PDB file of N, CA and C in Angstrom:
ATOM      1  N   MET A   1       1.040  -0.828   0.172  1.00  0.00           N
ATOM      2  CA  MET A   1       0.094   0.047   0.229  1.00  0.00           C
ATOM      3  C   MET A   1       0.684   1.394   0.193  1.00  0.00           C
ATOM      4  N   ASN A   2       0.085   1.842  -0.587  1.00  0.00           N
ATOM      5  CA  ASN A   2       1.031   3.095  -0.867  1.00  0.00           C
ATOM      6  C   ASN A   2       1.285   4.743  -0.120  1.00  0.00           C
ATOM      7  N   ASN A   3       2.197   4.941   0.362  1.00  0.00           N
ATOM      8  CA  ASN A   3       1.924   6.593   1.412  1.00  0.00           C
ATOM      9  C   ASN A   3      -0.180   7.630   1.212  1.00  0.00           C
ATOM     10  N   LEU A   4      -0.527   7.315  -0.150  1.00  0.00           N
ATOM     11  CA  LEU A   4      -1.347   7.966   0.248  1.00  0.00           C
ATOM     12  C   LEU A   4      -2.001   7.547   0.488  1.00  0.00           C
ATOM     13  N   THR A   5      -2.093   5.655   0.511  1.00  0.00           N
ATOM     14  CA  THR A   5      -3.298   5.476   0.399  1.00  0.00           C
ATOM     15  C   THR A   5      -3.822   4.697   1.997  1.00  0.00           C
ATOM     16  N   GLU A   6      -2.067   4.610   2.887  1.00  0.00           N
ATOM     17  CA  GLU A   6      -2.358   5.427   4.243  1.00  0.00           C
ATOM     18  C   GLU A   6      -2.722   5.701   5.203  1.00  0.00           C
ATOM     19  N   LYS A   7      -2.279   7.576   4.548  1.00  0.00           N
ATOM     20  CA  LYS A   7      -2.518   8.737   4.692  1.00  0.00           C
ATOM     21  C   LYS A   7      -4.659   8.862   4.778  1.00  0.00           C
ATOM     22  N   ILE A   8      -5.098   8.474   3.774  1.00  0.00           N
ATOM     23  CA  ILE A   8      -6.460   8.551   3.171  1.00  0.00           C
ATOM     24  C   ILE A   8      -7.024   8.016   5.108  1.00  0.00           C
ATOM     25  N   ARG A   9      -6.549   6.250   4.820  1.00  0.00           N
ATOM     26  CA  ARG A   9      -6.603   5.658   5.413  1.00  0.00           C
ATOM     27  C   ARG A   9      -6.555   6.051   6.919  1.00  0.00           C
ATOM     28  N   GLU A  10      -6.497   6.315   7.535  1.00  0.00           N
ATOM     29  CA  GLU A  10      -5.566   7.267   9.160  1.00  0.00           C
ATOM     30  C   GLU A  10      -7.052   8.376   9.012  1.00  0.00           C
ATOM     31  N   LYS A  11      -7.743   8.447   8.064  1.00  0.00           N
ATOM     32  CA  LYS A  11      -7.877   9.832   7.669  1.00  0.00           C
ATOM     33  C   LYS A  11      -9.668   9.324   8.106  1.00  0.00           C
ATOM     34  N   LYS A  12     -10.410   8.603   7.338  1.00  0.00           N
ATOM     35  CA  LYS A  12     -11.642   8.257   6.906  1.00  0.00           C
ATOM     36  C   LYS A  12     -11.666   6.566   7.763  1.00  0.00           C
ATOM     37  N   LEU A  13     -11.602   5.778   8.228  1.00  0.00           N
ATOM     38  CA  LEU A  13     -11.457   4.676   8.997  1.00  0.00           C
ATOM     39  C   LEU A  13     -10.875   4.941  10.575  1.00  0.00           C
ATOM     40  N   LEU A  14     -11.405   4.576  11.702  1.00  0.00           N
ATOM     41  CA  LEU A  14     -11.755   4.439  12.962  1.00  0.00           C
ATOM     42  C   LEU A  14      -9.686   3.955  13.230  1.00  0.00           C
ATOM     43  N   SER A  15      -9.671   4.981  14.453  1.00  0.00           N
ATOM     44  CA  SER A  15      -8.357   4.320  14.682  1.00  0.00           C
ATOM     45  C   SER A  15      -8.016   2.464  15.280  1.00  0.00           C
ATOM     46  N   SER A  16      -8.882   2.539  16.263  1.00  0.00           N
ATOM     47  CA  SER A  16      -9.424   1.275  16.208  1.00  0.00           C
ATOM     48  C   SER A  16      -8.651   0.092  14.818  1.00  0.00           C
ATOM     49  N   TYR A  17      -9.229   0.024  13.752  1.00  0.00           N
ATOM     50  CA  TYR A  17      -8.653  -0.125  12.840  1.00  0.00           C
ATOM     51  C   TYR A  17      -7.384  -0.202  12.880  1.00  0.00           C
ATOM     52  N   SER A  18      -6.292  -0.985  13.533  1.00  0.00           N
ATOM     53  CA  SER A  18      -5.023  -0.788  13.343  1.00  0.00           C
ATOM     54  C   SER A  18      -4.562  -1.395  11.738  1.00  0.00           C
ATOM     55  N   LEU A  19      -3.829  -0.898  11.388  1.00  0.00           N
ATOM     56  CA  LEU A  19      -2.517  -1.765  10.586  1.00  0.00           C
ATOM     57  C   LEU A  19      -1.584  -2.828  11.509  1.00  0.00           C
ATOM     58  N   SER A  20      -1.436  -4.429  10.928  1.00  0.00           N
ATOM     59  CA  SER A  20      -0.915  -5.244  11.234  1.00  0.00           C
ATOM     60  C   SER A  20       0.359  -6.055  10.735  1.00  0.00           C
ATOM     61  N   TYR A  21       1.471  -5.555  11.730  1.00  0.00           N
ATOM     62  CA  TYR A  21       2.745  -5.470  11.639  1.00  0.00           C
ATOM     63  C   TYR A  21       2.951  -4.553  11.084  1.00  0.00           C
ATOM     64  N   LYS A  22       4.946  -3.720  11.148  1.00  0.00           N
ATOM     65  CA  LYS A  22       5.479  -3.048  10.778  1.00  0.00           C
ATOM     66  C   LYS A  22       5.468  -2.286   9.576  1.00  0.00           C
ATOM     67  N   ILE A  23       5.584  -3.839   8.448  1.00  0.00           N
ATOM     68  CA  ILE A  23       5.054  -3.339   7.260  1.00  0.00           C
ATOM     69  C   ILE A  23       4.260  -4.054   7.375  1.00  0.00           C
ATOM     70  N   PRO A  24       2.947  -3.466   6.645  1.00  0.00           N
ATOM     71  CA  PRO A  24       1.688  -3.868   6.214  1.00  0.00           C
ATOM     72  C   PRO A  24       1.562  -3.989   4.865  1.00  0.00           C
ATOM     73  N   LEU A  25       0.290  -5.526   5.429  1.00  0.00           N
ATOM     74  CA  LEU A  25       0.463  -6.242   3.983  1.00  0.00           C
ATOM     75  C   LEU A  25      -0.382  -5.553   3.188  1.00  0.00           C
ATOM     76  N   HIS A  26      -0.559  -6.360   1.564  1.00  0.00           N
ATOM     77  CA  HIS A  26      -1.253  -5.058   1.580  1.00  0.00           C
ATOM     78  C   HIS A  26      -2.196  -6.204   0.142  1.00  0.00           C
ATOM     79  N   ILE A  27      -2.565  -6.819   1.370  1.00  0.00           N
ATOM     80  CA  ILE A  27      -3.489  -8.437   0.242  1.00  0.00           C
ATOM     81  C   ILE A  27      -4.967  -7.380  -0.512  1.00  0.00           C
ATOM     82  N   ILE A  28      -4.820  -8.638  -2.023  1.00  0.00           N
ATOM     83  CA  ILE A  28      -6.265  -7.601  -2.720  1.00  0.00           C
ATOM     84  C   ILE A  28      -6.574  -9.185  -3.025  1.00  0.00           C
ATOM     85  N   ARG A  29      -6.867 -10.401  -2.282  1.00  0.00           N
ATOM     86  CA  ARG A  29      -8.068 -11.672  -2.739  1.00  0.00           C
ATOM     87  C   ARG A  29      -7.642 -12.518  -1.805  1.00  0.00           C
ATOM     88  N   GLY A  30      -8.232 -13.405  -1.977  1.00  0.00           N
ATOM     89  CA  GLY A  30      -8.155 -15.178  -0.979  1.00  0.00           C
ATOM     90  C   GLY A  30      -8.645 -15.466  -1.359  1.00  0.00           C
ATOM     91  N   ARG A  31      -8.015 -16.805  -1.321  1.00  0.00           N
ATOM     92  CA  ARG A  31      -8.736 -18.114  -2.085  1.00  0.00           C
ATOM     93  C   ARG A  31      -8.557 -19.201  -0.636  1.00  0.00           C
ATOM     94  N   ALA A  32      -9.009 -20.482  -0.807  1.00  0.00           N
ATOM     95  CA  ALA A  32      -9.379 -21.431   1.014  1.00  0.00           C
ATOM     96  C   ALA A  32      -8.568 -21.129   1.819  1.00  0.00           C
ATOM     97  N   GLN A  33      -7.448 -21.193   2.135  1.00  0.00           N
ATOM     98  CA  GLN A  33      -6.963 -20.898   3.721  1.00  0.00           C
ATOM     99  C   GLN A  33      -5.380 -19.472   3.070  1.00  0.00           C
ATOM    100  N   TYR A  34      -6.310 -19.519   1.680  1.00  0.00           N
ATOM    101  CA  TYR A  34      -4.750 -18.604   1.706  1.00  0.00           C
ATOM    102  C   TYR A  34      -5.194 -16.991   1.266  1.00  0.00           C
ATOM    103  N   MET A  35      -4.159 -16.260   1.441  1.00  0.00           N
ATOM    104  CA  MET A  35      -4.194 -15.163   0.968  1.00  0.00           C
ATOM    105  C   MET A  35      -3.044 -14.029   0.004  1.00  0.00           C
ATOM    106  N   PHE A  36      -3.157 -13.347  -0.924  1.00  0.00           N
ATOM    107  CA  PHE A  36      -2.250 -13.477  -1.615  1.00  0.00           C
ATOM    108  C   PHE A  36      -1.779 -11.294  -1.353  1.00  0.00           C
ATOM    109  N   SER A  37      -0.786 -11.011  -2.414  1.00  0.00           N
ATOM    110  CA  SER A  37      -0.326 -10.316  -1.825  1.00  0.00           C
ATOM    111  C   SER A  37      -0.381  -9.026  -3.862  1.00  0.00           C
ATOM    112  N   ILE A  38      -0.729  -7.859  -3.559  1.00  0.00           N
ATOM    113  CA  ILE A  38      -0.477  -6.942  -4.576  1.00  0.00           C
ATOM    114  C   ILE A  38       0.551  -7.629  -5.612  1.00  0.00           C
ATOM    115  N   SER A  39       1.412  -8.046  -4.990  1.00  0.00           N
ATOM    116  CA  SER A  39       2.674  -8.414  -4.922  1.00  0.00           C
ATOM    117  C   SER A  39       2.584 -10.157  -5.822  1.00  0.00           C
ATOM    118  N   GLY A  40       1.613 -11.076  -5.238  1.00  0.00           N
ATOM    119  CA  GLY A  40       1.752 -12.008  -5.856  1.00  0.00           C
ATOM    120  C   GLY A  40       2.234 -12.777  -4.953  1.00  0.00           C
ATOM    121  N   THR A  41       2.309 -12.488  -3.367  1.00  0.00           N
ATOM    122  CA  THR A  41       2.666 -13.672  -2.276  1.00  0.00           C
ATOM    123  C   THR A  41       1.828 -14.077  -2.115  1.00  0.00           C
ATOM    124  N   ARG A  42       2.338 -15.248  -1.586  1.00  0.00           N
ATOM    125  CA  ARG A  42       0.982 -16.541  -0.913  1.00  0.00           C
ATOM    126  C   ARG A  42       1.354 -16.982   0.268  1.00  0.00           C
ATOM    127  N   TYR A  43       0.596 -16.056   1.448  1.00  0.00           N
ATOM    128  CA  TYR A  43      -0.288 -16.043   3.249  1.00  0.00           C
ATOM    129  C   TYR A  43      -0.791 -17.584   3.573  1.00  0.00           C
ATOM    130  N   MET A  44      -0.188 -17.756   4.426  1.00  0.00           N
ATOM    131  CA  MET A  44      -1.195 -19.017   4.568  1.00  0.00           C
ATOM    132  C   MET A  44      -2.136 -18.073   6.076  1.00  0.00           C
ATOM    133  N   ASP A  45      -3.420 -17.847   6.197  1.00  0.00           N
ATOM    134  CA  ASP A  45      -4.370 -17.079   7.236  1.00  0.00           C
ATOM    135  C   ASP A  45      -5.022 -18.028   8.402  1.00  0.00           C
ATOM    136  N   LEU A  46      -3.812 -17.570   8.947  1.00  0.00           N
ATOM    137  CA  LEU A  46      -4.480 -17.863  10.627  1.00  0.00           C
ATOM    138  C   LEU A  46      -4.709 -16.961  11.036  1.00  0.00           C
ATOM    139  N   VAL A  47      -4.685 -16.057  10.539  1.00  0.00           N
ATOM    140  CA  VAL A  47      -5.070 -14.921  11.821  1.00  0.00           C
ATOM    141  C   VAL A  47      -6.883 -14.443  11.483  1.00  0.00           C
ATOM    142  N   ASN A  48      -6.843 -14.194   9.765  1.00  0.00           N
ATOM    143  CA  ASN A  48      -8.754 -13.628   9.912  1.00  0.00           C
ATOM    144  C   ASN A  48      -9.435 -14.264  10.656  1.00  0.00           C
ATOM    145  N   ASN A  49     -10.969 -13.965  10.143  1.00  0.00           N
ATOM    146  CA  ASN A  49     -12.186 -14.617  11.035  1.00  0.00           C
ATOM    147  C   ASN A  49     -12.572 -15.273  10.083  1.00  0.00           C
ATOM    148  N   VAL A  50     -11.617 -16.315   9.366  1.00  0.00           N
ATOM    149  CA  VAL A  50     -12.183 -17.624   8.169  1.00  0.00           C
ATOM    150  C   VAL A  50     -11.425 -18.600   8.192  1.00  0.00           C
ATOM    151  N   CYS A  51     -10.675 -19.246   9.505  1.00  0.00           N
ATOM    152  CA  CYS A  51      -9.626 -20.251   9.442  1.00  0.00           C
ATOM    153  C   CYS A  51     -10.604 -21.444   9.410  1.00  0.00           C
ATOM    154  N   HIS A  52     -11.726 -21.183   9.952  1.00  0.00           N
ATOM    155  CA  HIS A  52     -12.862 -22.458   9.939  1.00  0.00           C
ATOM    156  C   HIS A  52     -12.913 -22.766   8.250  1.00  0.00           C
ATOM    157  N   ILE A  53     -13.355 -21.632   7.800  1.00  0.00           N
ATOM    158  CA  ILE A  53     -13.911 -22.880   6.981  1.00  0.00           C
ATOM    159  C   ILE A  53     -13.253 -21.832   4.788  1.00  0.00           C
ATOM    160  N   GLY A  54     -12.005 -20.990   4.974  1.00  0.00           N
ATOM    161  CA  GLY A  54     -11.581 -20.149   4.062  1.00  0.00           C
ATOM    162  C   GLY A  54     -12.042 -19.262   3.528  1.00  0.00           C
ATOM    163  N   HIS A  55     -10.892 -18.416   2.900  1.00  0.00           N
ATOM    164  CA  HIS A  55     -11.258 -17.958   1.878  1.00  0.00           C
ATOM    165  C   HIS A  55     -12.162 -18.200  -0.068  1.00  0.00           C
ATOM    166  N   CYS A  56     -14.207 -17.220   0.223  1.00  0.00           N
ATOM    167  CA  CYS A  56     -14.166 -17.551  -1.310  1.00  0.00           C
ATOM    168  C   CYS A  56     -14.394 -19.622  -1.409  1.00  0.00           C
ATOM    169  N   HIS A  57     -15.065 -19.364  -0.320  1.00  0.00           N
ATOM    170  CA  HIS A  57     -15.614 -20.846  -0.251  1.00  0.00           C
ATOM    171  C   HIS A  57     -16.787 -21.081  -1.431  1.00  0.00           C
ATOM    172  N   PRO A  58     -16.753 -22.402  -2.396  1.00  0.00           N
ATOM    173  CA  PRO A  58     -17.772 -22.198  -3.129  1.00  0.00           C
ATOM    174  C   PRO A  58     -19.385 -22.717  -2.647  1.00  0.00           C
ATOM    175  N   LYS A  59     -19.458 -22.776  -1.628  1.00  0.00           N
ATOM    176  CA  LYS A  59     -20.515 -22.991  -0.804  1.00  0.00           C
ATOM    177  C   LYS A  59     -20.620 -21.767  -0.549  1.00  0.00           C
ATOM    178  N   VAL A  60     -20.101 -21.202   0.224  1.00  0.00           N
ATOM    179  CA  VAL A  60     -20.593 -19.392   0.976  1.00  0.00           C
ATOM    180  C   VAL A  60     -21.018 -18.997  -0.043  1.00  0.00           C
ATOM    181  N   VAL A  61     -20.356 -18.976  -1.065  1.00  0.00           N
ATOM    182  CA  VAL A  61     -20.601 -18.180  -2.463  1.00  0.00           C
ATOM    183  C   VAL A  61     -21.813 -18.160  -3.051  1.00  0.00           C
ATOM    184  N   LYS A  62     -21.578 -19.282  -3.076  1.00  0.00           N
ATOM    185  CA  LYS A  62     -22.958 -20.348  -3.839  1.00  0.00           C
ATOM    186  C   LYS A  62     -24.174 -19.292  -2.516  1.00  0.00           C
ATOM    187  N   VAL A  63     -24.835 -19.832  -1.839  1.00  0.00           N
ATOM    188  CA  VAL A  63     -25.320 -19.058  -0.728  1.00  0.00           C
ATOM    189  C   VAL A  63     -25.244 -18.044  -0.528  1.00  0.00           C
ATOM    190  N   PHE A  64     -24.102 -16.875  -0.753  1.00  0.00           N
ATOM    191  CA  PHE A  64     -24.342 -15.584  -0.536  1.00  0.00           C
ATOM    192  C   PHE A  64     -25.239 -14.563  -1.780  1.00  0.00           C
ATOM    193  N   ASN A  65     -24.335 -15.343  -2.983  1.00  0.00           N
ATOM    194  CA  ASN A  65     -25.301 -14.639  -3.967  1.00  0.00           C
ATOM    195  C   ASN A  65     -26.604 -15.543  -4.494  1.00  0.00           C
ATOM    196  N   GLU A  66     -26.900 -16.103  -3.851  1.00  0.00           N
ATOM    197  CA  GLU A  66     -28.195 -15.947  -4.022  1.00  0.00           C
ATOM    198  C   GLU A  66     -29.418 -15.723  -3.105  1.00  0.00           C
ATOM    199  N   GLN A  67     -28.840 -15.490  -1.908  1.00  0.00           N
ATOM    200  CA  GLN A  67     -29.221 -14.338  -1.014  1.00  0.00           C
ATOM    201  C   GLN A  67     -29.271 -12.873  -1.637  1.00  0.00           C
ATOM    202  N   ILE A  68     -28.236 -13.137  -1.871  1.00  0.00           N
ATOM    203  CA  ILE A  68     -27.812 -11.316  -2.236  1.00  0.00           C
ATOM    204  C   ILE A  68     -28.944 -11.025  -3.129  1.00  0.00           C
ATOM    205  N   SER A  69     -29.256 -11.735  -4.064  1.00  0.00           N
ATOM    206  CA  SER A  69     -29.624 -11.598  -5.771  1.00  0.00           C
ATOM    207  C   SER A  69     -30.976 -11.746  -5.607  1.00  0.00           C
ATOM    208  N   THR A  70     -31.118 -12.019  -4.493  1.00  0.00           N
ATOM    209  CA  THR A  70     -33.372 -12.364  -4.461  1.00  0.00           C
ATOM    210  C   THR A  70     -33.878 -11.129  -3.199  1.00  0.00           C
ATOM    211  N   LEU A  71     -32.279 -10.508  -2.043  1.00  0.00           N
ATOM    212  CA  LEU A  71     -32.971 -10.089  -0.899  1.00  0.00           C
ATOM    213  C   LEU A  71     -31.932  -8.953  -0.462  1.00  0.00           C
ATOM    214  N   ASN A  72     -31.457  -8.347  -0.140  1.00  0.00           N
ATOM    215  CA  ASN A  72     -30.756  -7.770   0.744  1.00  0.00           C
ATOM    216  C   ASN A  72     -30.591  -7.367   2.504  1.00  0.00           C
ATOM    217  N   VAL A  73     -31.169  -8.098   3.104  1.00  0.00           N
ATOM    218  CA  VAL A  73     -31.734  -7.478   4.731  1.00  0.00           C
ATOM    219  C   VAL A  73     -31.057  -7.743   5.363  1.00  0.00           C
ATOM    220  N   ASN A  74     -31.742  -6.706   6.439  1.00  0.00           N
ATOM    221  CA  ASN A  74     -31.252  -6.623   7.540  1.00  0.00           C
ATOM    222  C   ASN A  74     -32.220  -6.449   8.507  1.00  0.00           C
ATOM    223  N   THR A  75     -31.587  -6.886  10.118  1.00  0.00           N
ATOM    224  CA  THR A  75     -32.460  -6.249  11.817  1.00  0.00           C
ATOM    225  C   THR A  75     -33.417  -5.904  11.406  1.00  0.00           C
ATOM    226  N   ARG A  76     -34.066  -4.950  10.752  1.00  0.00           N
ATOM    227  CA  ARG A  76     -34.979  -3.553  10.645  1.00  0.00           C
ATOM    228  C   ARG A  76     -36.527  -3.574  10.150  1.00  0.00           C
ATOM    229  N   TYR A  77     -36.075  -5.180   9.347  1.00  0.00           N
ATOM    230  CA  TYR A  77     -37.748  -5.503   9.077  1.00  0.00           C
ATOM    231  C   TYR A  77     -37.321  -7.711   8.897  1.00  0.00           C
ATOM    232  N   LEU A  78     -38.881  -7.865   9.054  1.00  0.00           N
ATOM    233  CA  LEU A  78     -39.265  -9.045   9.442  1.00  0.00           C
ATOM    234  C   LEU A  78     -38.698  -9.833   7.895  1.00  0.00           C
ATOM    235  N   HIS A  79     -38.493 -10.388   8.199  1.00  0.00           N
ATOM    236  CA  HIS A  79     -37.667 -11.732   6.817  1.00  0.00           C
ATOM    237  C   HIS A  79     -37.452 -12.633   7.712  1.00  0.00           C
ATOM    238  N   PRO A  80     -38.138 -13.587   6.938  1.00  0.00           N
ATOM    239  CA  PRO A  80     -37.743 -15.799   7.435  1.00  0.00           C
ATOM    240  C   PRO A  80     -36.167 -15.688   8.385  1.00  0.00           C
ATOM    241  N   ASN A  81     -35.334 -15.544   7.143  1.00  0.00           N
ATOM    242  CA  ASN A  81     -33.815 -15.573   7.078  1.00  0.00           C
ATOM    243  C   ASN A  81     -33.093 -14.790   8.030  1.00  0.00           C
ATOM    244  N   ILE A  82     -33.568 -13.761   8.635  1.00  0.00           N
ATOM    245  CA  ILE A  82     -32.862 -13.314  10.174  1.00  0.00           C
ATOM    246  C   ILE A  82     -33.544 -14.647  10.864  1.00  0.00           C
ATOM    247  N   VAL A  83     -34.778 -14.721  11.156  1.00  0.00           N
ATOM    248  CA  VAL A  83     -34.805 -15.276  12.225  1.00  0.00           C
ATOM    249  C   VAL A  83     -35.093 -16.977  12.648  1.00  0.00           C
ATOM    250  N   ASN A  84     -34.900 -17.301  11.189  1.00  0.00           N
ATOM    251  CA  ASN A  84     -35.166 -18.939  11.182  1.00  0.00           C
ATOM    252  C   ASN A  84     -32.694 -19.139  11.648  1.00  0.00           C
ATOM    253  N   TYR A  85     -32.046 -18.431  10.883  1.00  0.00           N
ATOM    254  CA  TYR A  85     -30.727 -17.906  11.004  1.00  0.00           C
ATOM    255  C   TYR A  85     -30.207 -18.059  12.660  1.00  0.00           C
ATOM    256  N   SER A  86     -30.884 -17.414  13.201  1.00  0.00           N
ATOM    257  CA  SER A  86     -31.230 -16.370  14.681  1.00  0.00           C
ATOM    258  C   SER A  86     -31.567 -17.912  15.685  1.00  0.00           C
ATOM    259  N   VAL A  87     -31.796 -18.567  15.692  1.00  0.00           N
ATOM    260  CA  VAL A  87     -32.993 -19.695  15.713  1.00  0.00           C
ATOM    261  C   VAL A  87     -31.666 -20.696  16.070  1.00  0.00           C
ATOM    262  N   ARG A  88     -31.414 -21.436  14.289  1.00  0.00           N
ATOM    263  CA  ARG A  88     -30.100 -21.992  14.243  1.00  0.00           C
ATOM    264  C   ARG A  88     -28.927 -22.149  15.176  1.00  0.00           C
ATOM    265  N   LEU A  89     -28.675 -20.552  14.940  1.00  0.00           N
ATOM    266  CA  LEU A  89     -27.246 -19.912  15.603  1.00  0.00           C
ATOM    267  C   LEU A  89     -27.390 -20.361  17.427  1.00  0.00           C
ATOM    268  N   GLY A  90     -28.977 -19.551  17.216  1.00  0.00           N
ATOM    269  CA  GLY A  90     -29.109 -20.210  18.836  1.00  0.00           C
ATOM    270  C   GLY A  90     -29.110 -21.563  19.397  1.00  0.00           C
ATOM    271  N   ASN A  91     -29.630 -22.463  18.706  1.00  0.00           N
ATOM    272  CA  ASN A  91     -29.578 -23.685  19.184  1.00  0.00           C
ATOM    273  C   ASN A  91     -27.558 -24.494  19.631  1.00  0.00           C
ATOM    274  N   LEU A  92     -27.153 -23.469  19.224  1.00  0.00           N
ATOM    275  CA  LEU A  92     -25.575 -24.005  19.511  1.00  0.00           C
ATOM    276  C   LEU A  92     -24.844 -24.180  20.062  1.00  0.00           C
ATOM    277  N   PHE A  93     -25.633 -22.998  20.586  1.00  0.00           N
ATOM    278  CA  PHE A  93     -25.083 -22.311  22.951  1.00  0.00           C
ATOM    279  C   PHE A  93     -26.152 -23.288  23.698  1.00  0.00           C
ATOM    280  N   PRO A  94     -25.816 -23.037  25.229  1.00  0.00           N
ATOM    281  CA  PRO A  94     -26.158 -23.952  26.349  1.00  0.00           C
ATOM    282  C   PRO A  94     -26.950 -22.598  26.893  1.00  0.00           C
ATOM    283  N   ASN A  95     -28.057 -22.796  26.967  1.00  0.00           N
ATOM    284  CA  ASN A  95     -28.684 -21.827  27.769  1.00  0.00           C
ATOM    285  C   ASN A  95     -27.651 -20.924  29.020  1.00  0.00           C
ATOM    286  N   PRO A  96     -27.603 -20.081  29.675  1.00  0.00           N
ATOM    287  CA  PRO A  96     -28.521 -18.550  28.863  1.00  0.00           C
ATOM    288  C   PRO A  96     -28.070 -17.818  27.406  1.00  0.00           C
ATOM    289  N   LEU A  97     -27.793 -18.863  26.809  1.00  0.00           N
ATOM    290  CA  LEU A  97     -26.588 -18.236  25.158  1.00  0.00           C
ATOM    291  C   LEU A  97     -27.636 -17.995  24.680  1.00  0.00           C
ATOM    292  N   LYS A  98     -29.278 -17.581  24.641  1.00  0.00           N
ATOM    293  CA  LYS A  98     -30.213 -17.966  23.394  1.00  0.00           C
ATOM    294  C   LYS A  98     -30.607 -17.031  23.085  1.00  0.00           C
ATOM    295  N   ILE A  99     -29.487 -15.849  22.651  1.00  0.00           N
ATOM    296  CA  ILE A  99     -30.186 -14.452  22.438  1.00  0.00           C
ATOM    297  C   ILE A  99     -28.993 -14.205  21.967  1.00  0.00           C
ATOM    298  N   VAL A 100     -29.193 -13.527  20.505  1.00  0.00           N
ATOM    299  CA  VAL A 100     -28.500 -13.306  19.153  1.00  0.00           C
ATOM    300  C   VAL A 100     -28.692 -11.686  18.639  1.00  0.00           C
ATOM    301  N   ILE A 101     -27.213 -11.743  18.518  1.00  0.00           N
ATOM    302  CA  ILE A 101     -26.951  -9.737  18.142  1.00  0.00           C
ATOM    303  C   ILE A 101     -26.418 -10.458  16.949  1.00  0.00           C
ATOM    304  N   MET A 102     -26.882  -9.243  16.064  1.00  0.00           N
ATOM    305  CA  MET A 102     -26.170  -8.753  14.856  1.00  0.00           C
ATOM    306  C   MET A 102     -26.125  -7.711  14.430  1.00  0.00           C
ATOM    307  N   TYR A 103     -24.825  -7.885  14.329  1.00  0.00           N
ATOM    308  CA  TYR A 103     -24.231  -6.357  15.001  1.00  0.00           C
ATOM    309  C   TYR A 103     -23.170  -6.253  12.364  1.00  0.00           C
ATOM    310  N   PHE A 104     -23.868  -5.702  11.708  1.00  0.00           N
ATOM    311  CA  PHE A 104     -23.815  -5.205  10.301  1.00  0.00           C
ATOM    312  C   PHE A 104     -22.986  -3.760  10.645  1.00  0.00           C
ATOM    313  N   ILE A 105     -21.730  -3.976   9.861  1.00  0.00           N
ATOM    314  CA  ILE A 105     -20.803  -2.957   9.058  1.00  0.00           C
ATOM    315  C   ILE A 105     -20.723  -2.433   7.213  1.00  0.00           C
TER     316      ILE A 105
END
């Protein structure tokens, strides 16, 4: 990432969105367990929130595309997918962890 991009990032993103590493990685894509930098270097991603499923998992991409091409909803409206997901997620945890909080950014 160039200096201009870093300076704009500092002004436009929350300060809590810090960059990792002394020389930040400029990642442009991911596939399975790997991320790829702008220079083409491949990194195994064991830090990000995708360790359990990987980047661009075909099943996740397919389901996401099906939903987003139908309707992109959030919690302000009634929609069965939000309720169904909350029930399924809540059933994975013991009581009293039964209420789901969805955080969208």
